[in-house]
Amino acid sequence: MSKVEDFLTPEEELAIVEAIGTAEKNTSGEIRVHIERTTSMDAFDRAKEVFHDLKMDETQLKNGVLIYIAVEDHTFVICGDEGINDVVGNEFWDKTKEIMVAHFKNGNFKQGLIEGILSAGQELKTHFPWSDDTNELSNEISKG
């Protein structure tokens, strides 16, 4: 098995997908998680590339958030589309990252992802409340 397949159990993946559904319940925002083994690129640049590949930059309100993880590189990036970046400051992204890092340091990747997702959902709800919204993007974890 690869590092990507070992990173989360199927049960943990299901819990993360459920957290995405919960986070998106009260917002028009879209949250995705992408996991891959490694990247030869700068992690932020790769996250932006994945963001585009997953069509996250095509949401109506430009309010997608991607949590990108390169397992072997021990790195992750949280990036948002321009609609979100126009209304939240860096302190939001830093706070969400700190929540996740606290769990990741202890090897608790599932809980770190869940809490990061729920934190992002709260912020999205503030700026992009749900309003007869359709789910524009899959909640499933993508892998590369």
N, C-alpha and C. Protein backbone atom coordinates (compact mmCIF):
# COMPACT_ATOMS: atom_id res chain seq x y z
N MET A 1 0.84 -1.20 0.00
CA MET A 1 0.00 0.00 0.00
C MET A 1 0.88 1.26 0.00
N SER A 2 0.38 2.28 -0.63
CA SER A 2 1.14 3.53 -0.67
C SER A 2 0.89 4.33 0.59
N LYS A 3 1.71 5.35 0.77
CA LYS A 3 1.54 6.24 1.92
C LYS A 3 0.17 6.92 1.89
N VAL A 4 -0.33 7.20 0.70
CA VAL A 4 -1.63 7.86 0.59
C VAL A 4 -2.73 6.93 1.12
N GLU A 5 -2.68 5.66 0.72
CA GLU A 5 -3.68 4.70 1.17
C GLU A 5 -3.58 4.42 2.66
N ASP A 6 -2.38 4.52 3.21
CA ASP A 6 -2.18 4.27 4.64
C ASP A 6 -2.48 5.49 5.50
N PHE A 7 -2.59 6.65 4.90
CA PHE A 7 -2.73 7.89 5.66
C PHE A 7 -4.02 7.90 6.49
N LEU A 8 -5.11 7.45 5.90
CA LEU A 8 -6.40 7.39 6.58
C LEU A 8 -7.06 6.05 6.30
N THR A 9 -7.73 5.50 7.30
CA THR A 9 -8.50 4.29 7.08
C THR A 9 -9.79 4.66 6.33
N PRO A 10 -10.46 3.67 5.73
CA PRO A 10 -11.74 3.97 5.08
C PRO A 10 -12.75 4.60 6.05
N GLU A 11 -12.74 4.16 7.30
CA GLU A 11 -13.64 4.72 8.30
C GLU A 11 -13.30 6.18 8.60
N GLU A 12 -12.00 6.47 8.68
CA GLU A 12 -11.57 7.84 8.92
C GLU A 12 -11.94 8.74 7.73
N GLU A 13 -11.78 8.21 6.52
CA GLU A 13 -12.16 8.98 5.34
C GLU A 13 -13.65 9.30 5.37
N LEU A 14 -14.46 8.32 5.75
CA LEU A 14 -15.91 8.54 5.84
C LEU A 14 -16.23 9.63 6.86
N ALA A 15 -15.55 9.61 8.00
CA ALA A 15 -15.78 10.63 9.03
C ALA A 15 -15.41 12.01 8.51
N ILE A 16 -14.37 12.10 7.71
CA ILE A 16 -13.95 13.39 7.14
C ILE A 16 -14.97 13.88 6.12
N VAL A 17 -15.46 12.98 5.27
CA VAL A 17 -16.49 13.35 4.30
C VAL A 17 -17.76 13.82 5.03
N GLU A 18 -18.10 13.16 6.12
CA GLU A 18 -19.26 13.59 6.92
C GLU A 18 -19.01 14.98 7.52
N ALA A 19 -17.78 15.25 7.95
CA ALA A 19 -17.45 16.57 8.50
C ALA A 19 -17.60 17.64 7.42
N ILE A 20 -17.21 17.33 6.20
CA ILE A 20 -17.38 18.27 5.10
C ILE A 20 -18.87 18.57 4.91
N GLY A 21 -19.70 17.52 4.92
CA GLY A 21 -21.15 17.72 4.80
C GLY A 21 -21.69 18.58 5.92
N THR A 22 -21.23 18.35 7.13
CA THR A 22 -21.67 19.15 8.28
C THR A 22 -21.22 20.60 8.12
N ALA A 23 -19.98 20.80 7.74
CA ALA A 23 -19.44 22.16 7.58
C ALA A 23 -20.18 22.91 6.49
N GLU A 24 -20.59 22.22 5.44
CA GLU A 24 -21.25 22.87 4.32
C GLU A 24 -22.76 23.03 4.51
N LYS A 25 -23.28 22.47 5.59
CA LYS A 25 -24.73 22.48 5.80
C LYS A 25 -25.30 23.90 5.90
N ASN A 26 -24.55 24.82 6.47
CA ASN A 26 -25.06 26.18 6.69
C ASN A 26 -24.33 27.23 5.87
N THR A 27 -23.70 26.80 4.78
CA THR A 27 -22.95 27.75 3.95
C THR A 27 -23.04 27.34 2.49
N SER A 28 -22.87 28.31 1.63
CA SER A 28 -22.78 28.01 0.20
C SER A 28 -21.34 27.67 -0.17
N GLY A 29 -20.42 27.78 0.78
CA GLY A 29 -19.01 27.47 0.53
C GLY A 29 -18.80 26.00 0.25
N GLU A 30 -17.69 25.69 -0.40
CA GLU A 30 -17.34 24.33 -0.78
C GLU A 30 -15.97 23.98 -0.22
N ILE A 31 -15.88 22.82 0.42
CA ILE A 31 -14.62 22.37 1.02
C ILE A 31 -14.24 21.04 0.40
N ARG A 32 -12.97 20.91 0.03
CA ARG A 32 -12.44 19.66 -0.51
C ARG A 32 -11.15 19.32 0.22
N VAL A 33 -10.83 18.03 0.25
CA VAL A 33 -9.56 17.53 0.77
C VAL A 33 -8.91 16.72 -0.35
N HIS A 34 -7.64 17.00 -0.58
CA HIS A 34 -6.87 16.24 -1.58
C HIS A 34 -5.60 15.73 -0.91
N ILE A 35 -5.35 14.43 -1.09
CA ILE A 35 -4.18 13.79 -0.49
C ILE A 35 -3.35 13.16 -1.60
N GLU A 36 -2.04 13.41 -1.56
CA GLU A 36 -1.14 12.72 -2.48
C GLU A 36 0.16 12.38 -1.77
N ARG A 37 0.90 11.48 -2.37
CA ARG A 37 2.12 10.98 -1.74
C ARG A 37 3.15 12.08 -1.55
N THR A 38 3.49 12.77 -2.63
CA THR A 38 4.53 13.79 -2.57
C THR A 38 4.34 14.76 -3.73
N THR A 39 5.07 15.83 -3.71
CA THR A 39 5.07 16.76 -4.83
C THR A 39 6.49 17.26 -5.06
N SER A 40 6.83 17.45 -6.32
CA SER A 40 8.14 18.02 -6.65
C SER A 40 8.05 19.54 -6.72
N MET A 41 6.83 20.07 -6.61
CA MET A 41 6.60 21.51 -6.67
C MET A 41 6.56 22.10 -5.27
N ASP A 42 6.59 23.42 -5.19
CA ASP A 42 6.27 24.10 -3.95
C ASP A 42 4.86 23.67 -3.56
N ALA A 43 4.64 23.35 -2.29
CA ALA A 43 3.34 22.81 -1.87
C ALA A 43 2.19 23.77 -2.16
N PHE A 44 2.40 25.06 -1.96
CA PHE A 44 1.32 26.02 -2.24
C PHE A 44 1.01 26.06 -3.73
N ASP A 45 2.05 26.04 -4.55
CA ASP A 45 1.82 26.03 -6.00
C ASP A 45 1.09 24.77 -6.43
N ARG A 46 1.47 23.65 -5.85
CA ARG A 46 0.78 22.39 -6.18
C ARG A 46 -0.68 22.44 -5.71
N ALA A 47 -0.92 22.99 -4.54
CA ALA A 47 -2.29 23.09 -4.04
C ALA A 47 -3.14 23.94 -4.99
N LYS A 48 -2.59 25.03 -5.48
CA LYS A 48 -3.32 25.88 -6.42
C LYS A 48 -3.61 25.12 -7.72
N GLU A 49 -2.65 24.30 -8.16
CA GLU A 49 -2.85 23.49 -9.36
C GLU A 49 -3.98 22.47 -9.14
N VAL A 50 -3.97 21.80 -8.00
CA VAL A 50 -5.02 20.84 -7.66
C VAL A 50 -6.37 21.56 -7.55
N PHE A 51 -6.36 22.73 -6.94
CA PHE A 51 -7.56 23.56 -6.81
C PHE A 51 -8.21 23.75 -8.18
N HIS A 52 -7.39 24.10 -9.16
CA HIS A 52 -7.88 24.30 -10.53
C HIS A 52 -8.32 22.97 -11.15
N ASP A 53 -7.51 21.92 -10.98
CA ASP A 53 -7.85 20.61 -11.55
C ASP A 53 -9.18 20.09 -11.03
N LEU A 54 -9.50 20.38 -9.76
CA LEU A 54 -10.76 19.94 -9.16
C LEU A 54 -11.91 20.89 -9.47
N LYS A 55 -11.63 21.90 -10.29
CA LYS A 55 -12.62 22.89 -10.71
C LYS A 55 -13.19 23.70 -9.54
N MET A 56 -12.37 23.84 -8.51
CA MET A 56 -12.80 24.59 -7.34
C MET A 56 -12.86 26.09 -7.61
N ASP A 57 -12.18 26.51 -8.67
CA ASP A 57 -12.20 27.92 -9.05
C ASP A 57 -13.39 28.25 -9.95
N GLU A 58 -14.31 27.29 -10.08
CA GLU A 58 -15.49 27.50 -10.91
C GLU A 58 -16.78 27.62 -10.10
N THR A 59 -16.68 27.71 -8.78
CA THR A 59 -17.90 27.87 -7.98
C THR A 59 -18.47 29.25 -8.22
N GLN A 60 -19.78 29.35 -8.10
CA GLN A 60 -20.48 30.59 -8.42
C GLN A 60 -19.96 31.78 -7.61
N LEU A 61 -19.76 31.59 -6.32
CA LEU A 61 -19.35 32.69 -5.45
C LEU A 61 -17.85 32.71 -5.17
N LYS A 62 -17.11 31.87 -5.86
CA LYS A 62 -15.65 31.81 -5.66
C LYS A 62 -15.31 31.55 -4.19
N ASN A 63 -16.02 30.57 -3.61
CA ASN A 63 -15.90 30.33 -2.18
C ASN A 63 -15.50 28.89 -1.84
N GLY A 64 -14.57 28.36 -2.62
CA GLY A 64 -14.06 27.03 -2.34
C GLY A 64 -12.83 27.09 -1.46
N VAL A 65 -12.67 26.05 -0.63
CA VAL A 65 -11.50 25.90 0.23
C VAL A 65 -10.94 24.50 0.01
N LEU A 66 -9.65 24.43 -0.27
CA LEU A 66 -8.98 23.15 -0.45
C LEU A 66 -7.98 22.93 0.68
N ILE A 67 -8.03 21.73 1.25
CA ILE A 67 -7.00 21.29 2.18
C ILE A 67 -6.18 20.26 1.41
N TYR A 68 -4.94 20.64 1.09
CA TYR A 68 -4.04 19.81 0.29
C TYR A 68 -2.99 19.20 1.22
N ILE A 69 -2.77 17.88 1.09
CA ILE A 69 -1.78 17.20 1.93
C ILE A 69 -0.83 16.39 1.04
N ALA A 70 0.48 16.60 1.23
CA ALA A 70 1.51 15.77 0.61
C ALA A 70 2.10 14.91 1.73
N VAL A 71 1.69 13.66 1.79
CA VAL A 71 1.97 12.79 2.94
C VAL A 71 3.46 12.62 3.20
N GLU A 72 4.22 12.19 2.21
CA GLU A 72 5.65 11.92 2.44
C GLU A 72 6.44 13.20 2.72
N ASP A 73 5.93 14.32 2.24
CA ASP A 73 6.60 15.60 2.45
C ASP A 73 6.28 16.20 3.82
N HIS A 74 5.32 15.59 4.53
CA HIS A 74 4.88 16.08 5.83
C HIS A 74 4.46 17.55 5.75
N THR A 75 3.67 17.86 4.73
CA THR A 75 3.23 19.23 4.56
C THR A 75 1.77 19.28 4.13
N PHE A 76 1.13 20.39 4.45
CA PHE A 76 -0.22 20.62 3.98
C PHE A 76 -0.42 22.11 3.76
N VAL A 77 -1.40 22.41 2.92
CA VAL A 77 -1.72 23.79 2.58
C VAL A 77 -3.23 23.93 2.62
N ILE A 78 -3.69 25.05 3.14
CA ILE A 78 -5.11 25.39 3.08
C ILE A 78 -5.20 26.59 2.15
N CYS A 79 -5.95 26.45 1.08
CA CYS A 79 -6.07 27.60 0.18
C CYS A 79 -7.54 27.82 -0.17
N GLY A 80 -7.86 29.09 -0.31
CA GLY A 80 -9.22 29.48 -0.65
C GLY A 80 -9.27 30.26 -1.93
N ASP A 81 -10.44 30.27 -2.54
CA ASP A 81 -10.64 31.02 -3.77
C ASP A 81 -10.73 32.51 -3.46
N GLU A 82 -10.74 33.32 -4.49
CA GLU A 82 -10.69 34.78 -4.33
C GLU A 82 -11.87 35.33 -3.55
N GLY A 83 -13.04 34.74 -3.65
CA GLY A 83 -14.19 35.23 -2.89
C GLY A 83 -13.96 35.14 -1.39
N ILE A 84 -13.33 34.08 -0.96
CA ILE A 84 -13.02 33.90 0.47
C ILE A 84 -11.87 34.81 0.87
N ASN A 85 -10.82 34.80 0.07
CA ASN A 85 -9.64 35.60 0.40
C ASN A 85 -9.95 37.09 0.46
N ASP A 86 -11.02 37.52 -0.23
CA ASP A 86 -11.42 38.93 -0.18
C ASP A 86 -12.06 39.30 1.16
N VAL A 87 -12.57 38.30 1.90
CA VAL A 87 -13.32 38.63 3.13
C VAL A 87 -12.69 38.10 4.42
N VAL A 88 -11.75 37.16 4.32
CA VAL A 88 -11.10 36.67 5.55
C VAL A 88 -9.64 37.10 5.54
N GLY A 89 -9.11 37.33 6.71
CA GLY A 89 -7.70 37.71 6.83
C GLY A 89 -6.82 36.49 7.03
N ASN A 90 -5.53 36.72 7.03
CA ASN A 90 -4.57 35.63 7.24
C ASN A 90 -4.74 34.96 8.59
N GLU A 91 -5.24 35.71 9.58
CA GLU A 91 -5.42 35.11 10.91
C GLU A 91 -6.39 33.94 10.87
N PHE A 92 -7.37 33.99 9.97
CA PHE A 92 -8.29 32.85 9.85
C PHE A 92 -7.55 31.62 9.37
N TRP A 93 -6.76 31.78 8.31
CA TRP A 93 -6.03 30.63 7.78
C TRP A 93 -5.01 30.13 8.80
N ASP A 94 -4.36 31.04 9.50
CA ASP A 94 -3.38 30.66 10.52
C ASP A 94 -4.04 29.89 11.65
N LYS A 95 -5.22 30.35 12.09
CA LYS A 95 -5.95 29.68 13.18
C LYS A 95 -6.33 28.26 12.76
N THR A 96 -6.84 28.13 11.56
CA THR A 96 -7.24 26.81 11.07
C THR A 96 -6.02 25.90 10.96
N LYS A 97 -4.93 26.42 10.46
CA LYS A 97 -3.70 25.64 10.34
C LYS A 97 -3.19 25.19 11.71
N GLU A 98 -3.23 26.09 12.69
CA GLU A 98 -2.77 25.75 14.05
C GLU A 98 -3.61 24.63 14.66
N ILE A 99 -4.91 24.68 14.43
CA ILE A 99 -5.80 23.62 14.93
C ILE A 99 -5.37 22.28 14.36
N MET A 100 -5.11 22.26 13.07
CA MET A 100 -4.74 21.02 12.40
C MET A 100 -3.36 20.53 12.83
N VAL A 101 -2.39 21.45 12.89
CA VAL A 101 -1.02 21.08 13.28
C VAL A 101 -0.99 20.45 14.67
N ALA A 102 -1.77 20.97 15.59
CA ALA A 102 -1.80 20.43 16.95
C ALA A 102 -2.15 18.94 16.94
N HIS A 103 -3.08 18.55 16.10
CA HIS A 103 -3.47 17.13 16.00
C HIS A 103 -2.48 16.34 15.15
N PHE A 104 -2.01 16.93 14.05
CA PHE A 104 -1.08 16.23 13.17
C PHE A 104 0.21 15.86 13.90
N LYS A 105 0.68 16.73 14.79
CA LYS A 105 1.92 16.46 15.53
C LYS A 105 1.81 15.17 16.35
N ASN A 106 0.59 14.86 16.77
CA ASN A 106 0.35 13.64 17.55
C ASN A 106 -0.08 12.47 16.69
N GLY A 107 -0.02 12.65 15.36
CA GLY A 107 -0.40 11.57 14.45
C GLY A 107 -1.89 11.40 14.30
N ASN A 108 -2.66 12.34 14.82
CA ASN A 108 -4.13 12.24 14.75
C ASN A 108 -4.62 13.05 13.54
N PHE A 109 -4.41 12.48 12.37
CA PHE A 109 -4.72 13.18 11.13
C PHE A 109 -6.22 13.34 10.92
N LYS A 110 -6.96 12.31 11.26
CA LYS A 110 -8.42 12.39 11.09
C LYS A 110 -8.99 13.55 11.90
N GLN A 111 -8.65 13.63 13.17
CA GLN A 111 -9.21 14.68 14.01
C GLN A 111 -8.73 16.07 13.58
N GLY A 112 -7.48 16.16 13.16
CA GLY A 112 -6.97 17.44 12.67
C GLY A 112 -7.73 17.91 11.45
N LEU A 113 -7.99 16.99 10.53
CA LEU A 113 -8.76 17.35 9.34
C LEU A 113 -10.19 17.73 9.70
N ILE A 114 -10.82 16.94 10.55
CA ILE A 114 -12.21 17.23 10.94
C ILE A 114 -12.31 18.61 11.58
N GLU A 115 -11.44 18.90 12.53
CA GLU A 115 -11.52 20.19 13.21
C GLU A 115 -11.17 21.35 12.28
N GLY A 116 -10.22 21.14 11.37
CA GLY A 116 -9.90 22.17 10.39
C GLY A 116 -11.07 22.42 9.45
N ILE A 117 -11.72 21.37 9.02
CA ILE A 117 -12.89 21.48 8.13
C ILE A 117 -14.02 22.20 8.84
N LEU A 118 -14.30 21.83 10.08
CA LEU A 118 -15.40 22.48 10.82
C LEU A 118 -15.09 23.94 11.09
N SER A 119 -13.83 24.26 11.35
CA SER A 119 -13.42 25.65 11.56
C SER A 119 -13.63 26.45 10.27
N ALA A 120 -13.21 25.89 9.15
CA ALA A 120 -13.42 26.57 7.86
C ALA A 120 -14.91 26.75 7.59
N GLY A 121 -15.70 25.75 7.92
CA GLY A 121 -17.15 25.83 7.71
C GLY A 121 -17.78 26.96 8.51
N GLN A 122 -17.31 27.17 9.75
CA GLN A 122 -17.84 28.26 10.57
C GLN A 122 -17.56 29.62 9.93
N GLU A 123 -16.34 29.77 9.43
CA GLU A 123 -15.96 31.03 8.79
C GLU A 123 -16.75 31.23 7.50
N LEU A 124 -16.89 30.17 6.74
CA LEU A 124 -17.67 30.25 5.49
C LEU A 124 -19.12 30.64 5.79
N LYS A 125 -19.67 30.06 6.85
CA LYS A 125 -21.05 30.37 7.22
C LYS A 125 -21.23 31.86 7.52
N THR A 126 -20.23 32.46 8.12
CA THR A 126 -20.29 33.89 8.45
C THR A 126 -20.35 34.75 7.20
N HIS A 127 -19.55 34.41 6.22
CA HIS A 127 -19.42 35.24 5.02
C HIS A 127 -20.24 34.75 3.83
N PHE A 128 -20.56 33.46 3.82
CA PHE A 128 -21.31 32.87 2.71
C PHE A 128 -22.42 31.98 3.27
N PRO A 129 -23.45 32.58 3.87
CA PRO A 129 -24.51 31.76 4.45
C PRO A 129 -25.24 30.94 3.39
N TRP A 130 -25.81 29.84 3.83
CA TRP A 130 -26.57 28.98 2.94
C TRP A 130 -27.81 29.72 2.47
N SER A 131 -28.10 29.61 1.20
CA SER A 131 -29.29 30.26 0.65
C SER A 131 -29.75 29.46 -0.56
N ASP A 132 -30.58 28.45 -0.33
CA ASP A 132 -31.09 27.62 -1.41
C ASP A 132 -29.94 27.15 -2.29
N ASP A 133 -28.90 26.68 -1.65
CA ASP A 133 -27.65 26.34 -2.31
C ASP A 133 -27.65 24.90 -2.79
N THR A 134 -26.98 24.65 -3.89
CA THR A 134 -26.73 23.28 -4.34
C THR A 134 -25.26 22.98 -4.10
N ASN A 135 -24.97 21.72 -3.82
CA ASN A 135 -23.59 21.30 -3.59
C ASN A 135 -22.88 21.29 -4.94
N GLU A 136 -22.01 22.26 -5.18
CA GLU A 136 -21.37 22.41 -6.48
C GLU A 136 -20.22 21.43 -6.70
N LEU A 137 -19.62 20.94 -5.62
CA LEU A 137 -18.46 20.06 -5.73
C LEU A 137 -18.63 18.84 -4.84
N SER A 138 -18.03 17.75 -5.23
CA SER A 138 -18.08 16.52 -4.46
C SER A 138 -17.45 16.73 -3.08
N ASN A 139 -17.95 16.03 -2.10
CA ASN A 139 -17.36 16.07 -0.77
C ASN A 139 -16.31 14.96 -0.58
N GLU A 140 -16.20 14.07 -1.55
CA GLU A 140 -15.27 12.96 -1.45
C GLU A 140 -13.83 13.46 -1.43
N ILE A 141 -12.98 12.72 -0.74
CA ILE A 141 -11.55 13.02 -0.69
C ILE A 141 -10.95 12.61 -2.04
N SER A 142 -10.21 13.52 -2.66
CA SER A 142 -9.54 13.18 -3.91
C SER A 142 -8.09 12.78 -3.58
N LYS A 143 -7.55 11.94 -4.45
CA LYS A 143 -6.18 11.45 -4.22
C LYS A 143 -5.39 11.54 -5.51
N GLY A 144 -4.12 11.84 -5.36
CA GLY A 144 -3.26 11.95 -6.53
C GLY A 144 -2.04 11.10 -6.42
